[in-house]
PDB file of N, CA and C in Angstrom:
ATOM      1  N   UNK A   1      60.178 126.874 119.851  1.00  0.00           N
ATOM      2  CA  UNK A   1      59.932 128.167 120.046  1.00  0.00           C
ATOM      3  C   UNK A   1      60.378 128.987 120.631  1.00  0.00           C
ATOM      4  N   UNK A   2      60.611 130.251 119.998  1.00  0.00           N
ATOM      5  CA  UNK A   2      61.494 131.692 120.200  1.00  0.00           C
ATOM      6  C   UNK A   2      61.090 132.449 121.130  1.00  0.00           C
ATOM      7  N   UNK A   3      62.144 132.538 122.148  1.00  0.00           N
ATOM      8  CA  UNK A   3      61.716 133.117 123.038  1.00  0.00           C
ATOM      9  C   UNK A   3      61.460 134.643 122.983  1.00  0.00           C
ATOM     10  N   UNK A   4      60.634 135.484 123.773  1.00  0.00           N
ATOM     11  CA  UNK A   4      60.136 136.515 123.699  1.00  0.00           C
ATOM     12  C   UNK A   4      61.782 137.837 124.542  1.00  0.00           C
ATOM     13  N   UNK A   5      61.269 138.785 123.431  1.00  0.00           N
ATOM     14  CA  UNK A   5      62.369 139.987 124.673  1.00  0.00           C
ATOM     15  C   UNK A   5      62.298 140.756 124.952  1.00  0.00           C
ATOM     16  N   UNK A   6      62.298 140.745 126.429  1.00  0.00           N
ATOM     17  CA  UNK A   6      61.087 141.903 127.577  1.00  0.00           C
ATOM     18  C   UNK A   6      62.246 143.015 127.598  1.00  0.00           C
ATOM     19  N   UNK A   7      63.380 142.688 126.576  1.00  0.00           N
ATOM     20  CA  UNK A   7      64.472 144.132 126.958  1.00  0.00           C
ATOM     21  C   UNK A   7      64.425 145.512 126.656  1.00  0.00           C
ATOM     22  N   UNK A   8      62.971 145.377 125.533  1.00  0.00           N
ATOM     23  CA  UNK A   8      62.155 146.795 125.979  1.00  0.00           C
ATOM     24  C   UNK A   8      62.205 147.650 127.304  1.00  0.00           C
ATOM     25  N   UNK A   9      61.059 146.721 128.621  1.00  0.00           N
ATOM     26  CA  UNK A   9      61.421 146.507 129.442  1.00  0.00           C
ATOM     27  C   UNK A   9      62.255 148.243 130.672  1.00  0.00           C
ATOM     28  N   UNK A  10      63.543 147.559 130.605  1.00  0.00           N
ATOM     29  CA  UNK A  10      64.039 148.008 130.880  1.00  0.00           C
ATOM     30  C   UNK A  10      64.651 149.102 130.505  1.00  0.00           C
ATOM     31  N   UNK A  11      64.084 149.527 128.825  1.00  0.00           N
ATOM     32  CA  UNK A  11      64.595 151.135 128.445  1.00  0.00           C
ATOM     33  C   UNK A  11      63.457 151.921 128.724  1.00  0.00           C
ATOM     34  N   UNK A  12      62.159 151.838 129.202  1.00  0.00           N
ATOM     35  CA  UNK A  12      61.259 152.489 129.282  1.00  0.00           C
ATOM     36  C   UNK A  12      61.872 153.780 130.433  1.00  0.00           C
ATOM     37  N   UNK A  13      61.520 154.540 129.864  1.00  0.00           N
ATOM     38  CA  UNK A  13      61.339 156.191 130.979  1.00  0.00           C
ATOM     39  C   UNK A  13      60.567 155.866 131.827  1.00  0.00           C
ATOM     40  N   UNK A  14      61.147 156.815 133.139  1.00  0.00           N
ATOM     41  CA  UNK A  14      60.194 156.264 134.527  1.00  0.00           C
ATOM     42  C   UNK A  14      58.885 157.232 134.676  1.00  0.00           C
ATOM     43  N   UNK A  15      58.242 157.718 133.138  1.00  0.00           N
ATOM     44  CA  UNK A  15      57.253 158.779 134.059  1.00  0.00           C
ATOM     45  C   UNK A  15      56.385 157.216 132.730  1.00  0.00           C
ATOM     46  N   UNK A  16      57.131 156.104 131.748  1.00  0.00           N
ATOM     47  CA  UNK A  16      55.982 154.744 131.442  1.00  0.00           C
ATOM     48  C   UNK A  16      56.016 154.296 132.616  1.00  0.00           C
ATOM     49  N   UNK A  17      57.084 153.994 132.979  1.00  0.00           N
ATOM     50  CA  UNK A  17      56.934 152.570 133.921  1.00  0.00           C
ATOM     51  C   UNK A  17      56.348 152.986 135.048  1.00  0.00           C
ATOM     52  N   UNK A  18      55.757 154.472 135.382  1.00  0.00           N
ATOM     53  CA  UNK A  18      55.075 155.080 136.414  1.00  0.00           C
ATOM     54  C   UNK A  18      53.011 154.658 135.976  1.00  0.00           C
ATOM     55  N   UNK A  19      53.713 155.266 135.355  1.00  0.00           N
ATOM     56  CA  UNK A  19      51.929 155.011 134.222  1.00  0.00           C
ATOM     57  C   UNK A  19      51.636 153.769 134.446  1.00  0.00           C
ATOM     58  N   UNK A  20      52.595 152.681 134.227  1.00  0.00           N
ATOM     59  CA  UNK A  20      51.897 151.209 133.587  1.00  0.00           C
ATOM     60  C   UNK A  20      52.114 150.389 135.172  1.00  0.00           C
ATOM     61  N   UNK A  21      52.240 151.570 136.463  1.00  0.00           N
ATOM     62  CA  UNK A  21      52.181 150.857 137.683  1.00  0.00           C
ATOM     63  C   UNK A  21      50.986 151.893 138.384  1.00  0.00           C
ATOM     64  N   UNK A  22      50.539 152.932 137.699  1.00  0.00           N
ATOM     65  CA  UNK A  22      49.684 153.972 138.687  1.00  0.00           C
ATOM     66  C   UNK A  22      48.670 151.968 136.943  1.00  0.00           C
ATOM     67  N   UNK A  23      48.465 152.359 136.098  1.00  0.00           N
ATOM     68  CA  UNK A  23      47.129 151.152 135.554  1.00  0.00           C
ATOM     69  C   UNK A  23      46.936 150.343 135.721  1.00  0.00           C
ATOM     70  N   UNK A  24      47.985 149.587 136.003  1.00  0.00           N
ATOM     71  CA  UNK A  24      47.804 147.893 136.363  1.00  0.00           C
ATOM     72  C   UNK A  24      47.602 148.011 138.218  1.00  0.00           C
ATOM     73  N   UNK A  25      48.110 148.665 138.743  1.00  0.00           N
ATOM     74  CA  UNK A  25      47.676 148.732 140.054  1.00  0.00           C
ATOM     75  C   UNK A  25      46.963 149.995 140.778  1.00  0.00           C
ATOM     76  N   UNK A  26      46.099 150.936 140.059  1.00  0.00           N
ATOM     77  CA  UNK A  26      45.359 151.625 140.824  1.00  0.00           C
ATOM     78  C   UNK A  26      45.944 152.263 142.040  1.00  0.00           C
ATOM     79  N   UNK A  27      47.300 152.841 141.661  1.00  0.00           N
ATOM     80  CA  UNK A  27      47.903 153.824 143.101  1.00  0.00           C
ATOM     81  C   UNK A  27      48.578 154.536 142.129  1.00  0.00           C
ATOM     82  N   UNK A  28      49.262 155.654 142.680  1.00  0.00           N
ATOM     83  CA  UNK A  28      50.121 156.784 143.117  1.00  0.00           C
ATOM     84  C   UNK A  28      51.536 156.047 143.107  1.00  0.00           C
ATOM     85  N   UNK A  29      52.862 155.729 142.706  1.00  0.00           N
ATOM     86  CA  UNK A  29      54.170 155.717 142.300  1.00  0.00           C
ATOM     87  C   UNK A  29      54.512 156.185 143.225  1.00  0.00           C
ATOM     88  N   UNK A  30      54.311 157.278 143.306  1.00  0.00           N
ATOM     89  CA  UNK A  30      55.324 157.993 144.238  1.00  0.00           C
ATOM     90  C   UNK A  30      54.556 157.928 145.696  1.00  0.00           C
ATOM     91  N   UNK A  31      54.180 156.943 146.030  1.00  0.00           N
ATOM     92  CA  UNK A  31      53.467 156.797 147.636  1.00  0.00           C
ATOM     93  C   UNK A  31      54.447 155.543 147.675  1.00  0.00           C
ATOM     94  N   UNK A  32      54.949 154.676 147.209  1.00  0.00           N
ATOM     95  CA  UNK A  32      55.470 153.608 147.243  1.00  0.00           C
ATOM     96  C   UNK A  32      57.002 153.653 147.232  1.00  0.00           C
ATOM     97  N   UNK A  33      57.534 153.060 148.269  1.00  0.00           N
ATOM     98  CA  UNK A  33      58.820 153.283 148.362  1.00  0.00           C
ATOM     99  C   UNK A  33      59.714 152.799 147.979  1.00  0.00           C
ATOM    100  N   UNK A  34      61.293 152.519 147.283  1.00  0.00           N
ATOM    101  CA  UNK A  34      62.021 152.110 146.336  1.00  0.00           C
ATOM    102  C   UNK A  34      61.979 151.408 146.180  1.00  0.00           C
ATOM    103  N   UNK A  35      61.977 150.200 147.058  1.00  0.00           N
ATOM    104  CA  UNK A  35      61.583 148.490 147.199  1.00  0.00           C
ATOM    105  C   UNK A  35      60.449 148.165 146.517  1.00  0.00           C
ATOM    106  N   UNK A  36      59.143 148.976 147.226  1.00  0.00           N
ATOM    107  CA  UNK A  36      57.516 148.486 146.440  1.00  0.00           C
ATOM    108  C   UNK A  36      57.806 148.747 145.096  1.00  0.00           C
ATOM    109  N   UNK A  37      58.099 150.120 144.893  1.00  0.00           N
ATOM    110  CA  UNK A  37      57.679 150.336 143.730  1.00  0.00           C
ATOM    111  C   UNK A  37      58.746 149.252 142.360  1.00  0.00           C
ATOM    112  N   UNK A  38      59.598 148.460 142.939  1.00  0.00           N
ATOM    113  CA  UNK A  38      60.719 147.587 141.607  1.00  0.00           C
ATOM    114  C   UNK A  38      59.975 146.487 142.036  1.00  0.00           C
ATOM    115  N   UNK A  39      59.486 146.428 143.157  1.00  0.00           N
ATOM    116  CA  UNK A  39      58.441 144.996 143.450  1.00  0.00           C
ATOM    117  C   UNK A  39      57.425 144.774 142.362  1.00  0.00           C
ATOM    118  N   UNK A  40      56.336 145.649 142.451  1.00  0.00           N
ATOM    119  CA  UNK A  40      55.590 146.462 141.546  1.00  0.00           C
ATOM    120  C   UNK A  40      55.855 146.108 139.764  1.00  0.00           C
ATOM    121  N   UNK A  41      56.643 146.989 139.329  1.00  0.00           N
ATOM    122  CA  UNK A  41      57.217 146.838 138.568  1.00  0.00           C
ATOM    123  C   UNK A  41      57.958 145.545 137.610  1.00  0.00           C
ATOM    124  N   UNK A  42      58.838 145.078 138.497  1.00  0.00           N
ATOM    125  CA  UNK A  42      58.777 143.598 138.184  1.00  0.00           C
ATOM    126  C   UNK A  42      57.760 142.420 137.739  1.00  0.00           C
ATOM    127  N   UNK A  43      56.778 142.760 139.104  1.00  0.00           N
ATOM    128  CA  UNK A  43      56.015 141.792 138.894  1.00  0.00           C
ATOM    129  C   UNK A  43      55.510 142.258 137.039  1.00  0.00           C
ATOM    130  N   UNK A  44      54.757 143.473 136.982  1.00  0.00           N
ATOM    131  CA  UNK A  44      53.943 144.085 135.489  1.00  0.00           C
ATOM    132  C   UNK A  44      55.104 143.403 134.359  1.00  0.00           C
ATOM    133  N   UNK A  45      56.329 143.261 134.775  1.00  0.00           N
ATOM    134  CA  UNK A  45      57.108 142.820 133.771  1.00  0.00           C
ATOM    135  C   UNK A  45      56.990 141.053 134.091  1.00  0.00           C
ATOM    136  N   UNK A  46      57.339 140.487 134.345  1.00  0.00           N
ATOM    137  CA  UNK A  46      56.654 138.603 134.801  1.00  0.00           C
ATOM    138  C   UNK A  46      55.019 138.398 134.081  1.00  0.00           C
ATOM    139  N   UNK A  47      54.483 139.092 134.735  1.00  0.00           N
ATOM    140  CA  UNK A  47      52.681 138.987 134.019  1.00  0.00           C
ATOM    141  C   UNK A  47      52.909 139.330 132.160  1.00  0.00           C
ATOM    142  N   UNK A  48      53.721 140.220 132.001  1.00  0.00           N
ATOM    143  CA  UNK A  48      53.847 140.595 130.477  1.00  0.00           C
ATOM    144  C   UNK A  48      54.329 140.172 129.938  1.00  0.00           C
ATOM    145  N   UNK A  49      55.409 139.014 129.900  1.00  0.00           N
ATOM    146  CA  UNK A  49      56.232 138.444 129.849  1.00  0.00           C
ATOM    147  C   UNK A  49      55.399 137.402 129.801  1.00  0.00           C
ATOM    148  N   UNK A  50      55.359 136.135 131.346  1.00  0.00           N
ATOM    149  CA  UNK A  50      53.870 135.260 130.120  1.00  0.00           C
ATOM    150  C   UNK A  50      52.817 135.759 129.322  1.00  0.00           C
ATOM    151  N   UNK A  51      52.457 136.417 129.327  1.00  0.00           N
ATOM    152  CA  UNK A  51      51.620 136.948 128.303  1.00  0.00           C
ATOM    153  C   UNK A  51      51.689 136.701 126.828  1.00  0.00           C
ATOM    154  N   UNK A  52      52.793 137.233 126.895  1.00  0.00           N
ATOM    155  CA  UNK A  52      53.504 136.978 125.444  1.00  0.00           C
ATOM    156  C   UNK A  52      53.772 136.326 124.965  1.00  0.00           C
ATOM    157  N   UNK A  53      54.483 135.248 126.089  1.00  0.00           N
ATOM    158  CA  UNK A  53      54.915 133.642 125.896  1.00  0.00           C
ATOM    159  C   UNK A  53      53.736 133.102 125.308  1.00  0.00           C
ATOM    160  N   UNK A  54      52.507 133.309 125.703  1.00  0.00           N
ATOM    161  CA  UNK A  54      51.044 132.809 126.083  1.00  0.00           C
ATOM    162  C   UNK A  54      51.028 133.111 124.582  1.00  0.00           C
ATOM    163  N   UNK A  55      50.682 134.084 123.880  1.00  0.00           N
ATOM    164  CA  UNK A  55      49.960 134.604 123.202  1.00  0.00           C
ATOM    165  C   UNK A  55      51.444 133.938 121.534  1.00  0.00           C
ATOM    166  N   UNK A  56      51.982 134.615 121.925  1.00  0.00           N
ATOM    167  CA  UNK A  56      53.550 133.044 120.505  1.00  0.00           C
ATOM    168  C   UNK A  56      52.980 132.188 120.949  1.00  0.00           C
ATOM    169  N   UNK A  57      52.858 130.946 121.780  1.00  0.00           N
ATOM    170  CA  UNK A  57      52.390 130.379 121.571  1.00  0.00           C
ATOM    171  C   UNK A  57      51.469 129.933 120.751  1.00  0.00           C
ATOM    172  N   UNK A  58      50.371 130.813 120.946  1.00  0.00           N
ATOM    173  CA  UNK A  58      48.954 130.728 120.275  1.00  0.00           C
ATOM    174  C   UNK A  58      48.935 130.765 118.781  1.00  0.00           C
ATOM    175  N   UNK A  59      49.797 131.668 118.466  1.00  0.00           N
ATOM    176  CA  UNK A  59      50.122 132.309 116.970  1.00  0.00           C
ATOM    177  C   UNK A  59      51.070 131.570 116.602  1.00  0.00           C
ATOM    178  N   UNK A  60      51.510 130.897 117.337  1.00  0.00           N
ATOM    179  CA  UNK A  60      52.404 129.462 116.699  1.00  0.00           C
ATOM    180  C   UNK A  60      51.749 128.358 115.946  1.00  0.00           C
ATOM    181  N   UNK A  61      50.704 128.127 117.338  1.00  0.00           N
ATOM    182  CA  UNK A  61      49.771 126.893 116.698  1.00  0.00           C
ATOM    183  C   UNK A  61      48.970 127.466 115.558  1.00  0.00           C
ATOM    184  N   UNK A  62      48.389 127.942 115.767  1.00  0.00           N
ATOM    185  CA  UNK A  62      47.322 128.517 114.820  1.00  0.00           C
ATOM    186  C   UNK A  62      48.304 129.335 113.124  1.00  0.00           C
ATOM    187  N   UNK A  63      49.358 129.275 113.123  1.00  0.00           N
ATOM    188  CA  UNK A  63      50.019 129.805 111.993  1.00  0.00           C
ATOM    189  C   UNK A  63      50.539 127.856 111.227  1.00  0.00           C
ATOM    190  N   UNK A  64      50.868 126.841 112.364  1.00  0.00           N
ATOM    191  CA  UNK A  64      51.576 125.775 112.377  1.00  0.00           C
ATOM    192  C   UNK A  64      49.630 124.607 111.995  1.00  0.00           C
ATOM    193  N   UNK A  65      48.752 125.036 112.118  1.00  0.00           N
ATOM    194  CA  UNK A  65      47.455 124.687 111.722  1.00  0.00           C
ATOM    195  C   UNK A  65      47.398 125.229 110.191  1.00  0.00           C
ATOM    196  N   UNK A  66      47.095 126.508 109.701  1.00  0.00           N
ATOM    197  CA  UNK A  66      47.456 127.111 108.747  1.00  0.00           C
ATOM    198  C   UNK A  66      47.885 126.637 107.496  1.00  0.00           C
ATOM    199  N   UNK A  67      49.181 126.406 108.013  1.00  0.00           N
ATOM    200  CA  UNK A  67      50.414 125.823 106.962  1.00  0.00           C
ATOM    201  C   UNK A  67      50.005 124.682 106.583  1.00  0.00           C
ATOM    202  N   UNK A  68      49.580 123.795 107.510  1.00  0.00           N
ATOM    203  CA  UNK A  68      48.843 121.744 107.919  1.00  0.00           C
ATOM    204  C   UNK A  68      47.423 122.347 106.224  1.00  0.00           C
ATOM    205  N   UNK A  69      46.876 123.017 106.153  1.00  0.00           N
ATOM    206  CA  UNK A  69      45.804 122.645 105.567  1.00  0.00           C
ATOM    207  C   UNK A  69      46.810 123.331 103.596  1.00  0.00           C
ATOM    208  N   UNK A  70      47.294 124.794 104.344  1.00  0.00           N
ATOM    209  CA  UNK A  70      48.046 124.773 103.173  1.00  0.00           C
ATOM    210  C   UNK A  70      48.479 123.759 102.023  1.00  0.00           C
ATOM    211  N   UNK A  71      49.457 123.663 102.511  1.00  0.00           N
ATOM    212  CA  UNK A  71      50.299 122.550 102.218  1.00  0.00           C
ATOM    213  C   UNK A  71      48.945 121.201 101.238  1.00  0.00           C
ATOM    214  N   UNK A  72      48.564 121.467 102.174  1.00  0.00           N
ATOM    215  CA  UNK A  72      47.457 119.947 102.427  1.00  0.00           C
ATOM    216  C   UNK A  72      46.198 120.255 100.668  1.00  0.00           C
ATOM    217  N   UNK A  73      46.531 121.431 100.910  1.00  0.00           N
ATOM    218  CA  UNK A  73      45.713 121.814  99.583  1.00  0.00           C
ATOM    219  C   UNK A  73      46.198 121.824  98.468  1.00  0.00           C
ATOM    220  N   UNK A  74      47.397 122.182  98.480  1.00  0.00           N
ATOM    221  CA  UNK A  74      48.906 123.155  97.221  1.00  0.00           C
ATOM    222  C   UNK A  74      48.970 120.705  96.898  1.00  0.00           C
ATOM    223  N   UNK A  75      49.972 120.071  97.704  1.00  0.00           N
ATOM    224  CA  UNK A  75      50.313 119.057  97.730  1.00  0.00           C
ATOM    225  C   UNK A  75      49.392 117.655  97.621  1.00  0.00           C
ATOM    226  N   UNK A  76      48.561 118.236  98.552  1.00  0.00           N
ATOM    227  CA  UNK A  76      47.032 116.702  99.084  1.00  0.00           C
ATOM    228  C   UNK A  76      47.475 116.242  98.124  1.00  0.00           C
ATOM    229  N   UNK A  77      46.654 114.236  97.934  1.00  0.00           N
ATOM    230  CA  UNK A  77      45.863 114.100  97.269  1.00  0.00           C
ATOM    231  C   UNK A  77      45.042 114.466  96.459  1.00  0.00           C
ATOM    232  N   UNK A  78      44.206 114.283  95.983  1.00  0.00           N
ATOM    233  CA  UNK A  78      43.043 114.668  95.200  1.00  0.00           C
ATOM    234  C   UNK A  78      41.832 113.211  94.949  1.00  0.00           C
TER     235      UNK A  78
END
């Protein structure tokens, strides 16, 4: 299974990262200490990575099922 790259998370601008925290946690990022801000952002990165890996596995399984049906339809016994 291919791995999901989350490198883009590290390249987001500060305003986007603040917006992510505002939406995900419902708090004003300006009220957080640097350590709390970094911890919450890392939690979001981790959860997002898990979501993407789960979505990747679902898509891979769906693709395999479709390809199995296609190959059987084209090359299977009649």
